[in-house]
């Protein structure tokens, strides 16, 4: 990530043949890391570097990647909001795989 400041939603995610999109982070020094994977129920990923956190010592300590079903401000715009009626169900899959 270097000096890049992120508080950004990504869409049009590239998906593998299995239909999963993946975001991979390498650990400092290049040994280890983690991969977040999401199924097609998550068309957005929010990536945040923590630069706006109030406490200076908490800034840039990690990168947060949040799977999202709808874009920022979706409750205002209605874009891709998943609305369930009583008795309806909705299923999505995501996971985190450590890389050693």
C-alpha atoms as a PDB file:
ATOM      1  CA  UNK A   1       0.000   0.000   0.000  1.00  0.00           C
ATOM      2  CA  UNK A   2       2.889   2.341   0.755  1.00  0.00           C
ATOM      3  CA  UNK A   3       1.768   5.971   0.967  1.00  0.00           C
ATOM      4  CA  UNK A   4      -1.602   5.282  -0.701  1.00  0.00           C
ATOM      5  CA  UNK A   5      -4.566   6.465   1.394  1.00  0.00           C
ATOM      6  CA  UNK A   6      -7.653   4.307   0.934  1.00  0.00           C
ATOM      7  CA  UNK A   7     -11.221   4.746   2.063  1.00  0.00           C
ATOM      8  CA  UNK A   8     -12.486   3.384  -1.216  1.00  0.00           C
ATOM      9  CA  UNK A   9     -15.187   1.052  -2.512  1.00  0.00           C
ATOM     10  CA  UNK A  10     -14.142  -1.204  -5.377  1.00  0.00           C
ATOM     11  CA  UNK A  11     -16.598  -2.788  -7.805  1.00  0.00           C
ATOM     12  CA  UNK A  12     -16.487  -4.690 -11.093  1.00  0.00           C
ATOM     13  CA  UNK A  13     -14.450  -7.274  -9.208  1.00  0.00           C
ATOM     14  CA  UNK A  14     -12.483  -9.839 -11.189  1.00  0.00           C
ATOM     15  CA  UNK A  15     -13.738 -13.340 -10.453  1.00  0.00           C
ATOM     16  CA  UNK A  16     -12.036 -16.681 -10.923  1.00  0.00           C
ATOM     17  CA  UNK A  17     -13.607 -19.648 -12.726  1.00  0.00           C
ATOM     18  CA  UNK A  18     -15.177 -20.610  -9.374  1.00  0.00           C
ATOM     19  CA  UNK A  19     -17.060 -17.287  -9.288  1.00  0.00           C
ATOM     20  CA  UNK A  20     -15.113 -15.964  -6.314  1.00  0.00           C
ATOM     21  CA  UNK A  21     -13.383 -12.599  -6.124  1.00  0.00           C
ATOM     22  CA  UNK A  22     -10.236 -12.456  -4.025  1.00  0.00           C
ATOM     23  CA  UNK A  23      -8.251  -9.719  -2.289  1.00  0.00           C
ATOM     24  CA  UNK A  24      -4.782 -10.727  -1.109  1.00  0.00           C
ATOM     25  CA  UNK A  25      -2.554  -8.928   1.387  1.00  0.00           C
ATOM     26  CA  UNK A  26       1.105  -9.778   1.874  1.00  0.00           C
ATOM     27  CA  UNK A  27       2.645  -9.565   5.322  1.00  0.00           C
ATOM     28  CA  UNK A  28       5.549  -7.150   5.809  1.00  0.00           C
ATOM     29  CA  UNK A  29       8.679  -8.791   4.473  1.00  0.00           C
ATOM     30  CA  UNK A  30       6.692 -10.882   2.009  1.00  0.00           C
ATOM     31  CA  UNK A  31       6.298 -13.959   4.215  1.00  0.00           C
ATOM     32  CA  UNK A  32       2.694 -14.856   4.902  1.00  0.00           C
ATOM     33  CA  UNK A  33      -0.441 -12.782   4.562  1.00  0.00           C
ATOM     34  CA  UNK A  34      -4.098 -13.473   3.977  1.00  0.00           C
ATOM     35  CA  UNK A  35      -6.642 -13.747   1.199  1.00  0.00           C
ATOM     36  CA  UNK A  36     -10.244 -12.618   1.555  1.00  0.00           C
ATOM     37  CA  UNK A  37     -12.646 -14.355  -0.842  1.00  0.00           C
ATOM     38  CA  UNK A  38     -16.275 -13.461  -1.588  1.00  0.00           C
ATOM     39  CA  UNK A  39     -19.000 -15.039  -3.678  1.00  0.00           C
ATOM     40  CA  UNK A  40     -21.104 -13.143  -6.213  1.00  0.00           C
ATOM     41  CA  UNK A  41     -23.483 -11.887  -3.509  1.00  0.00           C
ATOM     42  CA  UNK A  42     -20.763  -9.333  -2.725  1.00  0.00           C
ATOM     43  CA  UNK A  43     -20.186  -7.081  -5.754  1.00  0.00           C
ATOM     44  CA  UNK A  44     -18.261  -4.478  -3.706  1.00  0.00           C
ATOM     45  CA  UNK A  45     -15.194  -4.404  -1.462  1.00  0.00           C
ATOM     46  CA  UNK A  46     -14.467  -1.455   0.819  1.00  0.00           C
ATOM     47  CA  UNK A  47     -10.751  -0.958   1.500  1.00  0.00           C
ATOM     48  CA  UNK A  48      -9.615   1.288   4.350  1.00  0.00           C
ATOM     49  CA  UNK A  49      -6.104   2.173   5.535  1.00  0.00           C
ATOM     50  CA  UNK A  50      -7.158   3.914   8.753  1.00  0.00           C
ATOM     51  CA  UNK A  51      -5.654   7.307   7.954  1.00  0.00           C
ATOM     52  CA  UNK A  52      -8.681   9.140   9.359  1.00  0.00           C
ATOM     53  CA  UNK A  53      -8.722   7.384  12.747  1.00  0.00           C
ATOM     54  CA  UNK A  54      -8.693   9.845  15.629  1.00  0.00           C
ATOM     55  CA  UNK A  55      -5.803   8.260  17.524  1.00  0.00           C
ATOM     56  CA  UNK A  56      -2.514   8.721  15.650  1.00  0.00           C
ATOM     57  CA  UNK A  57      -1.032   5.456  16.970  1.00  0.00           C
ATOM     58  CA  UNK A  58      -3.919   3.490  15.400  1.00  0.00           C
ATOM     59  CA  UNK A  59      -3.440   4.900  11.897  1.00  0.00           C
ATOM     60  CA  UNK A  60      -1.946   2.720   9.144  1.00  0.00           C
ATOM     61  CA  UNK A  61      -1.509  -0.274  11.468  1.00  0.00           C
ATOM     62  CA  UNK A  62      -3.508  -2.504   9.132  1.00  0.00           C
ATOM     63  CA  UNK A  63      -5.621  -2.579   6.011  1.00  0.00           C
ATOM     64  CA  UNK A  64      -9.329  -3.352   6.393  1.00  0.00           C
ATOM     65  CA  UNK A  65     -11.195  -5.032   3.543  1.00  0.00           C
ATOM     66  CA  UNK A  66     -14.949  -5.272   3.998  1.00  0.00           C
ATOM     67  CA  UNK A  67     -17.182  -7.301   1.678  1.00  0.00           C
ATOM     68  CA  UNK A  68     -20.284  -5.278   0.819  1.00  0.00           C
ATOM     69  CA  UNK A  69     -23.549  -6.173  -0.881  1.00  0.00           C
ATOM     70  CA  UNK A  70     -24.220  -2.568  -1.857  1.00  0.00           C
ATOM     71  CA  UNK A  71     -22.159   0.576  -2.451  1.00  0.00           C
ATOM     72  CA  UNK A  72     -21.621   3.437   0.017  1.00  0.00           C
ATOM     73  CA  UNK A  73     -24.750   5.602   0.484  1.00  0.00           C
ATOM     74  CA  UNK A  74     -26.963   2.720  -0.657  1.00  0.00           C
ATOM     75  CA  UNK A  75     -29.504   3.351   2.082  1.00  0.00           C
ATOM     76  CA  UNK A  76     -29.985   6.790   0.547  1.00  0.00           C
ATOM     77  CA  UNK A  77     -29.887   5.735  -3.136  1.00  0.00           C
ATOM     78  CA  UNK A  78     -31.378   2.246  -2.885  1.00  0.00           C
ATOM     79  CA  UNK A  79     -28.649   0.862  -5.167  1.00  0.00           C
ATOM     80  CA  UNK A  80     -28.243  -2.904  -4.712  1.00  0.00           C
ATOM     81  CA  UNK A  81     -29.886  -2.885  -1.260  1.00  0.00           C
ATOM     82  CA  UNK A  82     -30.948  -6.367  -0.185  1.00  0.00           C
ATOM     83  CA  UNK A  83     -34.450  -6.003   1.272  1.00  0.00           C
ATOM     84  CA  UNK A  84     -36.006  -9.094   2.810  1.00  0.00           C
ATOM     85  CA  UNK A  85     -39.673  -9.551   3.470  1.00  0.00           C
ATOM     86  CA  UNK A  86     -40.731 -11.525   6.573  1.00  0.00           C
ATOM     87  CA  UNK A  87     -39.922 -15.192   6.062  1.00  0.00           C
ATOM     88  CA  UNK A  88     -37.490 -14.598   3.192  1.00  0.00           C
ATOM     89  CA  UNK A  89     -33.912 -15.817   3.366  1.00  0.00           C
ATOM     90  CA  UNK A  90     -30.693 -14.564   1.809  1.00  0.00           C
ATOM     91  CA  UNK A  91     -27.394 -16.409   1.626  1.00  0.00           C
ATOM     92  CA  UNK A  92     -23.868 -15.266   0.872  1.00  0.00           C
ATOM     93  CA  UNK A  93     -20.438 -16.783   1.379  1.00  0.00           C
ATOM     94  CA  UNK A  94     -17.097 -15.231   2.242  1.00  0.00           C
ATOM     95  CA  UNK A  95     -13.972 -16.315   4.054  1.00  0.00           C
ATOM     96  CA  UNK A  96     -10.390 -15.554   4.962  1.00  0.00           C
ATOM     97  CA  UNK A  97      -7.501 -17.884   4.123  1.00  0.00           C
ATOM     98  CA  UNK A  98      -4.145 -17.380   5.858  1.00  0.00           C
ATOM     99  CA  UNK A  99      -1.040 -17.634   3.687  1.00  0.00           C
ATOM    100  CA  UNK A 100       1.978 -19.005   5.510  1.00  0.00           C
END
